[in-house]
Protein backbone atom coordinates (compact mmCIF):
# COMPACT_ATOMS: atom_id res chain seq x y z
CA MET A 1 -16.61 -15.20 12.29
CA PRO A 2 -17.68 -18.36 14.08
CA VAL A 3 -15.70 -19.27 17.20
CA VAL A 4 -14.25 -22.76 17.69
CA THR A 5 -13.85 -24.11 21.21
CA GLY A 6 -12.57 -27.38 22.59
CA LYS A 7 -13.64 -28.95 25.85
CA ALA A 8 -13.16 -32.29 27.55
CA VAL A 9 -15.69 -33.97 29.81
CA GLY A 10 -14.56 -33.69 33.42
CA ARG A 11 -12.03 -30.90 32.83
CA LYS A 12 -12.52 -27.28 33.73
CA LYS A 13 -9.76 -26.00 31.46
CA PRO A 14 -10.44 -25.88 27.73
CA LEU A 15 -8.44 -28.16 25.43
CA PHE A 16 -7.21 -25.15 23.48
CA ALA A 17 -7.76 -21.42 23.37
CA ASP A 18 -10.88 -20.34 21.48
CA TRP A 19 -10.17 -19.13 17.96
CA SER A 20 -12.17 -17.60 15.15
CA TRP A 21 -12.69 -19.52 11.97
CA PRO A 22 -13.73 -18.02 8.63
CA LEU A 23 -17.07 -19.15 7.30
CA VAL A 24 -17.01 -21.82 4.61
CA PRO A 25 -18.94 -20.86 1.47
CA ALA A 26 -22.59 -21.75 2.12
CA SER A 27 -23.05 -24.08 -0.79
CA ASP A 28 -21.19 -26.53 -2.95
CA GLY A 29 -23.79 -27.20 -5.58
CA ASP A 30 -27.04 -28.34 -3.96
CA GLU A 31 -25.44 -30.13 -0.98
CA GLY A 32 -24.64 -27.12 1.16
CA LEU A 33 -22.32 -27.30 4.16
CA THR A 34 -22.41 -30.66 5.91
CA LEU A 35 -20.82 -31.57 9.22
CA ARG A 36 -18.36 -33.73 7.26
CA LYS A 37 -17.25 -30.71 5.16
CA LEU A 38 -17.04 -28.52 8.25
CA ILE A 39 -14.75 -30.98 10.09
CA ASP A 40 -12.71 -31.46 6.90
CA SER A 41 -12.22 -27.68 6.51
CA ILE A 42 -11.29 -27.14 10.15
CA VAL A 43 -8.78 -30.01 10.17
CA ARG A 44 -7.18 -28.81 6.93
CA GLU A 45 -6.91 -25.26 8.32
CA GLN A 46 -5.35 -26.55 11.55
CA VAL A 47 -2.80 -28.69 9.68
CA ALA A 48 -1.83 -25.62 7.64
CA ALA A 49 -1.48 -23.60 10.87
CA PHE A 50 0.66 -26.38 12.39
CA ARG A 51 2.95 -26.39 9.36
CA SER A 52 3.26 -22.62 9.56
CA ARG A 53 4.18 -22.78 13.27
CA GLN A 54 6.77 -25.45 12.50
CA ALA A 55 8.33 -23.29 9.81
CA ASP A 56 8.39 -20.30 12.17
CA ASP A 57 10.05 -22.41 14.89
CA GLN A 58 12.90 -23.28 12.53
CA MET A 59 13.99 -19.64 12.33
CA LEU A 60 16.83 -18.59 14.60
CA ARG A 61 15.58 -16.27 17.30
CA VAL A 62 17.35 -14.08 19.79
CA LEU A 63 15.80 -13.73 23.23
CA THR A 64 15.89 -10.52 25.21
CA ALA A 65 16.91 -10.46 28.86
CA PRO A 66 13.27 -10.10 30.05
CA GLN A 67 12.23 -13.05 27.87
CA ILE A 68 15.01 -15.18 29.33
CA ALA A 69 14.05 -14.21 32.89
CA SER A 70 10.38 -14.94 32.23
CA ALA A 71 11.18 -18.33 30.69
CA ALA A 72 13.51 -19.19 33.58
CA GLU A 73 10.66 -18.54 36.02
CA ARG A 74 8.52 -21.04 34.08
CA GLY A 75 11.37 -23.55 34.22
CA LYS A 76 12.38 -23.79 30.56
CA ILE A 77 14.30 -21.48 28.29
CA ALA A 78 13.84 -22.39 24.64
CA LEU A 79 14.32 -20.67 21.33
CA GLY A 80 11.43 -22.58 19.82
CA GLN A 81 13.56 -24.92 17.75
CA SER A 82 12.71 -28.55 18.23
CA GLU A 83 15.29 -31.30 18.41
CA VAL A 84 12.74 -33.53 16.71
CA GLY A 85 12.77 -31.48 13.51
CA LEU A 86 9.92 -31.00 11.12
CA GLN A 87 7.07 -33.46 11.46
CA GLU A 88 5.32 -34.46 8.28
CA VAL A 89 1.54 -34.45 8.50
CA ASP A 90 -0.61 -36.18 5.90
CA VAL A 91 -3.60 -33.84 5.75
CA ASP A 92 -5.87 -36.48 4.20
CA ALA A 93 -4.96 -38.97 6.94
CA ALA A 94 -5.65 -36.28 9.58
CA VAL A 95 -9.07 -35.58 8.08
CA GLY A 96 -9.80 -39.31 7.92
CA ALA A 97 -8.75 -39.78 11.55
CA ALA A 98 -10.95 -36.87 12.68
CA LEU A 99 -13.98 -38.23 10.81
CA GLN A 100 -13.38 -41.77 12.12
CA ALA A 101 -13.03 -40.46 15.68
CA PHE A 102 -16.38 -38.69 15.33
CA GLU A 103 -18.03 -41.86 14.02
CA ASP A 104 -16.45 -43.87 16.87
CA GLY A 105 -17.93 -41.47 19.41
CA LEU A 106 -14.64 -40.09 20.73
CA TYR A 107 -15.92 -36.52 20.51
CA LEU A 108 -19.15 -34.62 19.92
CA VAL A 109 -19.75 -31.52 17.83
CA VAL A 110 -22.11 -28.89 19.16
CA ILE A 111 -23.03 -25.95 16.96
CA ASP A 112 -24.93 -23.11 18.60
CA GLU A 113 -25.93 -25.36 21.52
CA VAL A 114 -27.30 -28.12 19.23
CA GLN A 115 -25.47 -31.46 19.12
CA ARG A 116 -24.81 -32.69 15.60
CA LYS A 117 -24.98 -36.46 15.24
CA CYS A 118 -24.67 -37.20 11.53
CA LEU A 119 -21.70 -36.33 9.32
CA ASP A 120 -23.91 -35.83 6.28
CA GLU A 121 -26.32 -33.53 8.11
CA GLN A 122 -26.46 -30.03 6.71
CA VAL A 123 -25.30 -27.32 9.11
CA PHE A 124 -25.93 -23.60 8.98
CA LEU A 125 -23.42 -21.19 10.44
CA GLU A 126 -23.89 -17.55 11.27
CA GLU A 127 -21.21 -14.93 11.86
CA ASP A 128 -21.65 -15.35 15.64
CA SER A 129 -21.92 -19.17 15.68
CA ARG A 130 -20.03 -21.22 18.26
CA ILE A 131 -18.62 -24.59 17.19
CA THR A 132 -17.68 -26.74 20.18
CA PHE A 133 -15.68 -29.95 19.99
CA LEU A 134 -16.38 -31.95 23.15
CA ARG A 135 -13.88 -34.76 23.79
CA LEU A 136 -15.40 -37.65 25.65
CA THR A 137 -13.58 -39.65 28.33
CA LEU A 138 -13.71 -43.41 28.13
CA LEU A 139 -14.31 -45.15 31.44
CA ALA A 140 -12.41 -48.28 32.39
CA GLY A 141 -14.05 -51.29 34.04
CA GLY A 142 -17.45 -50.32 32.75
């Protein structure tokens, strides 16, 4: 499965841990897989994962003594429940925001070491492909 990574210019640490992503079917009619469809699929999958994590966090958990000690060393003991509650995410708005951010040049997409510049460009993924989202840093005072 292709691996998705996230990096930010000027930061050594990744934006998020690498994760595997299942391949999208190679063709939708004659169009094939475009960068637009790839971003759309990844955002939709991530929103679904976010919703799943939120649902899991709403369950009552009991911590063991070692878990409490470990959390105390990190400075925060939490059961995972948020005081904020469930956050509603409009998946279509999230996809739209991701596509607009790409068009505005807020991040780049690199697939197998080749930068992709056009949302309607066809992309070809292999089982060992690497999809990198590179967040750009805006400079002030330019």
